[in-house]
Amino acid sequence: MEQILNLKKALNAYSVYLDNEKKTFNRRRKIPYKEFEERFLKNIGSDEFAELINNHKLHTFIKVIVEKRQTFDYLKLKLV
């Protein structure tokens, strides 16, 4: 049960982070999308982001999906 609570906290922290980044991007439409994407990639790989979500497995999962542009196959429960 504790693992589920930890995962929910981590997902919530990630969701709040992503919402804030999205709001910043939407407010500053003059920022090229590529700049936003580069900043996002840099943040995902940072120790600060890892501390923010405080979940090593989730951090690694997000990094793989974002950096390597992989997707998660729900039927096989694997990254593809």
N, C-alpha and C. Protein backbone atom coordinates (compact mmCIF):
# COMPACT_ATOMS: atom_id res chain seq x y z
N MET A 1 0.82 -1.19 0.00
CA MET A 1 0.00 0.00 0.00
C MET A 1 0.87 1.26 0.00
N GLU A 2 1.98 1.21 0.73
CA GLU A 2 2.86 2.37 0.79
C GLU A 2 3.46 2.68 -0.59
N GLN A 3 3.77 1.63 -1.36
CA GLN A 3 4.32 1.84 -2.70
C GLN A 3 3.33 2.58 -3.59
N ILE A 4 2.06 2.25 -3.45
CA ILE A 4 1.03 2.91 -4.25
C ILE A 4 0.93 4.38 -3.87
N LEU A 5 0.97 4.66 -2.57
CA LEU A 5 0.92 6.05 -2.12
C LEU A 5 2.13 6.84 -2.62
N ASN A 6 3.30 6.22 -2.59
CA ASN A 6 4.52 6.87 -3.09
C ASN A 6 4.42 7.14 -4.59
N LEU A 7 3.87 6.19 -5.32
CA LEU A 7 3.70 6.38 -6.76
C LEU A 7 2.70 7.50 -7.04
N LYS A 8 1.61 7.54 -6.30
CA LYS A 8 0.63 8.61 -6.48
C LYS A 8 1.24 9.98 -6.19
N LYS A 9 2.04 10.07 -5.14
CA LYS A 9 2.71 11.33 -4.82
C LYS A 9 3.65 11.74 -5.95
N ALA A 10 4.40 10.77 -6.46
CA ALA A 10 5.35 11.05 -7.54
C ALA A 10 4.62 11.48 -8.81
N LEU A 11 3.55 10.79 -9.15
CA LEU A 11 2.78 11.15 -10.34
C LEU A 11 2.14 12.53 -10.18
N ASN A 12 1.68 12.83 -8.98
CA ASN A 12 1.09 14.14 -8.73
C ASN A 12 2.15 15.24 -8.87
N ALA A 13 3.34 15.01 -8.32
CA ALA A 13 4.42 15.99 -8.44
C ALA A 13 4.78 16.21 -9.91
N TYR A 14 4.84 15.13 -10.69
CA TYR A 14 5.14 15.24 -12.12
C TYR A 14 4.04 16.01 -12.84
N SER A 15 2.80 15.73 -12.50
CA SER A 15 1.67 16.40 -13.12
C SER A 15 1.69 17.90 -12.84
N VAL A 16 1.98 18.28 -11.59
CA VAL A 16 2.07 19.69 -11.23
C VAL A 16 3.21 20.36 -12.00
N TYR A 17 4.35 19.69 -12.06
CA TYR A 17 5.50 20.21 -12.80
C TYR A 17 5.13 20.44 -14.27
N LEU A 18 4.52 19.44 -14.88
CA LEU A 18 4.18 19.53 -16.29
C LEU A 18 3.14 20.62 -16.54
N ASP A 19 2.16 20.75 -15.66
CA ASP A 19 1.16 21.81 -15.79
C ASP A 19 1.81 23.19 -15.72
N ASN A 20 2.75 23.37 -14.81
CA ASN A 20 3.44 24.65 -14.69
C ASN A 20 4.27 24.96 -15.94
N GLU A 21 4.94 23.95 -16.46
CA GLU A 21 5.73 24.16 -17.69
C GLU A 21 4.80 24.52 -18.86
N LYS A 22 3.67 23.86 -18.92
CA LYS A 22 2.72 24.12 -20.00
C LYS A 22 2.16 25.54 -19.90
N LYS A 23 1.85 25.97 -18.68
CA LYS A 23 1.34 27.33 -18.48
C LYS A 23 2.37 28.36 -18.90
N THR A 24 3.62 28.12 -18.54
CA THR A 24 4.70 29.04 -18.93
C THR A 24 4.80 29.11 -20.45
N PHE A 25 4.76 27.98 -21.08
CA PHE A 25 4.85 27.94 -22.54
C PHE A 25 3.66 28.66 -23.17
N ASN A 26 2.46 28.41 -22.67
CA ASN A 26 1.26 29.03 -23.23
C ASN A 26 1.25 30.55 -23.05
N ARG A 27 1.81 31.02 -21.94
CA ARG A 27 1.87 32.47 -21.69
C ARG A 27 2.88 33.15 -22.60
N ARG A 28 3.94 32.44 -22.92
CA ARG A 28 5.02 33.03 -23.70
C ARG A 28 5.07 32.38 -25.08
N ARG A 29 4.08 32.66 -25.87
CA ARG A 29 3.96 32.05 -27.19
C ARG A 29 5.12 32.35 -28.13
N LYS A 30 5.91 33.36 -27.81
CA LYS A 30 7.03 33.71 -28.68
C LYS A 30 8.18 32.73 -28.55
N ILE A 31 8.15 31.91 -27.51
CA ILE A 31 9.19 30.90 -27.32
C ILE A 31 8.98 29.81 -28.37
N PRO A 32 10.00 29.53 -29.16
CA PRO A 32 9.86 28.45 -30.14
C PRO A 32 9.64 27.11 -29.43
N TYR A 33 8.86 26.26 -30.03
CA TYR A 33 8.56 24.96 -29.44
C TYR A 33 9.84 24.18 -29.16
N LYS A 34 10.81 24.29 -30.04
CA LYS A 34 12.07 23.55 -29.87
C LYS A 34 12.77 23.96 -28.57
N GLU A 35 12.72 25.26 -28.25
CA GLU A 35 13.35 25.73 -27.01
C GLU A 35 12.64 25.13 -25.79
N PHE A 36 11.32 25.09 -25.86
CA PHE A 36 10.54 24.48 -24.78
C PHE A 36 10.91 23.00 -24.64
N GLU A 37 11.01 22.31 -25.77
CA GLU A 37 11.34 20.89 -25.75
C GLU A 37 12.74 20.65 -25.19
N GLU A 38 13.69 21.48 -25.59
CA GLU A 38 15.07 21.34 -25.09
C GLU A 38 15.13 21.56 -23.58
N ARG A 39 14.40 22.57 -23.10
CA ARG A 39 14.37 22.84 -21.67
C ARG A 39 13.72 21.68 -20.91
N PHE A 40 12.67 21.14 -21.49
CA PHE A 40 11.98 20.00 -20.88
C PHE A 40 12.91 18.80 -20.79
N LEU A 41 13.63 18.50 -21.86
CA LEU A 41 14.57 17.37 -21.87
C LEU A 41 15.67 17.57 -20.85
N LYS A 42 16.17 18.80 -20.74
CA LYS A 42 17.21 19.11 -19.77
C LYS A 42 16.68 18.90 -18.35
N ASN A 43 15.48 19.37 -18.10
CA ASN A 43 14.88 19.24 -16.76
C ASN A 43 14.63 17.78 -16.40
N ILE A 44 14.16 17.00 -17.34
CA ILE A 44 13.87 15.58 -17.07
C ILE A 44 15.14 14.85 -16.64
N GLY A 45 16.26 15.20 -17.22
CA GLY A 45 17.52 14.52 -16.91
C GLY A 45 18.21 15.04 -15.66
N SER A 46 17.66 16.07 -15.03
CA SER A 46 18.36 16.70 -13.91
C SER A 46 18.10 15.98 -12.57
N ASP A 47 19.03 16.18 -11.67
CA ASP A 47 18.86 15.64 -10.31
C ASP A 47 17.71 16.34 -9.60
N GLU A 48 17.51 17.61 -9.93
CA GLU A 48 16.41 18.38 -9.32
C GLU A 48 15.07 17.74 -9.64
N PHE A 49 14.90 17.31 -10.88
CA PHE A 49 13.65 16.66 -11.27
C PHE A 49 13.51 15.32 -10.55
N ALA A 50 14.60 14.59 -10.43
CA ALA A 50 14.56 13.30 -9.72
C ALA A 50 14.14 13.52 -8.27
N GLU A 51 14.64 14.58 -7.66
CA GLU A 51 14.26 14.89 -6.28
C GLU A 51 12.81 15.33 -6.19
N LEU A 52 12.35 16.05 -7.21
CA LEU A 52 10.98 16.54 -7.23
C LEU A 52 9.98 15.39 -7.16
N ILE A 53 10.18 14.38 -8.01
CA ILE A 53 9.22 13.27 -8.00
C ILE A 53 9.57 12.21 -6.97
N ASN A 54 10.83 12.18 -6.55
CA ASN A 54 11.25 11.29 -5.45
C ASN A 54 10.85 9.83 -5.67
N ASN A 55 11.06 9.36 -6.91
CA ASN A 55 10.74 7.98 -7.24
C ASN A 55 11.68 7.55 -8.37
N HIS A 56 12.70 6.77 -8.02
CA HIS A 56 13.73 6.40 -8.99
C HIS A 56 13.15 5.66 -10.21
N LYS A 57 12.27 4.71 -9.98
CA LYS A 57 11.71 3.93 -11.09
C LYS A 57 10.91 4.81 -12.04
N LEU A 58 10.07 5.69 -11.48
CA LEU A 58 9.27 6.58 -12.32
C LEU A 58 10.18 7.56 -13.07
N HIS A 59 11.20 8.07 -12.41
CA HIS A 59 12.12 8.99 -13.06
C HIS A 59 12.81 8.31 -14.25
N THR A 60 13.28 7.10 -14.04
CA THR A 60 13.93 6.36 -15.12
C THR A 60 12.95 6.09 -16.26
N PHE A 61 11.74 5.70 -15.92
CA PHE A 61 10.70 5.42 -16.92
C PHE A 61 10.42 6.66 -17.77
N ILE A 62 10.24 7.80 -17.11
CA ILE A 62 9.95 9.04 -17.84
C ILE A 62 11.14 9.42 -18.72
N LYS A 63 12.36 9.30 -18.18
CA LYS A 63 13.55 9.64 -18.97
C LYS A 63 13.64 8.79 -20.24
N VAL A 64 13.39 7.49 -20.11
CA VAL A 64 13.48 6.61 -21.28
C VAL A 64 12.44 7.01 -22.32
N ILE A 65 11.22 7.25 -21.88
CA ILE A 65 10.16 7.61 -22.81
C ILE A 65 10.46 8.94 -23.50
N VAL A 66 10.89 9.92 -22.73
CA VAL A 66 11.13 11.25 -23.28
C VAL A 66 12.41 11.31 -24.10
N GLU A 67 13.51 10.84 -23.54
CA GLU A 67 14.80 10.96 -24.22
C GLU A 67 14.94 10.03 -25.42
N LYS A 68 14.45 8.81 -25.29
CA LYS A 68 14.59 7.85 -26.39
C LYS A 68 13.34 7.77 -27.25
N ARG A 69 12.34 8.59 -26.90
CA ARG A 69 11.08 8.66 -27.64
C ARG A 69 10.43 7.29 -27.81
N GLN A 70 10.44 6.54 -26.72
CA GLN A 70 9.79 5.24 -26.75
C GLN A 70 8.35 5.36 -26.28
N THR A 71 7.59 4.33 -26.52
CA THR A 71 6.21 4.28 -26.05
C THR A 71 6.04 3.04 -25.18
N PHE A 72 4.99 3.04 -24.41
CA PHE A 72 4.71 1.92 -23.51
C PHE A 72 3.60 1.07 -24.10
N ASP A 73 3.89 -0.20 -24.32
CA ASP A 73 2.90 -1.14 -24.84
C ASP A 73 2.16 -1.74 -23.64
N TYR A 74 0.90 -1.34 -23.48
CA TYR A 74 0.13 -1.78 -22.32
C TYR A 74 -0.23 -3.26 -22.38
N LEU A 75 -0.32 -3.81 -23.57
CA LEU A 75 -0.63 -5.24 -23.68
C LEU A 75 0.54 -6.10 -23.25
N LYS A 76 1.73 -5.70 -23.63
CA LYS A 76 2.93 -6.48 -23.27
C LYS A 76 3.59 -5.95 -22.00
N LEU A 77 3.13 -4.77 -21.54
CA LEU A 77 3.73 -4.11 -20.38
C LEU A 77 5.23 -3.92 -20.55
N LYS A 78 5.60 -3.39 -21.74
CA LYS A 78 6.99 -3.16 -22.08
C LYS A 78 7.13 -1.84 -22.84
N LEU A 79 8.34 -1.29 -22.77
CA LEU A 79 8.66 -0.13 -23.60
C LEU A 79 9.01 -0.64 -24.99
N VAL A 80 8.51 0.06 -25.99
CA VAL A 80 8.82 -0.31 -27.38
C VAL A 80 9.29 0.91 -28.15
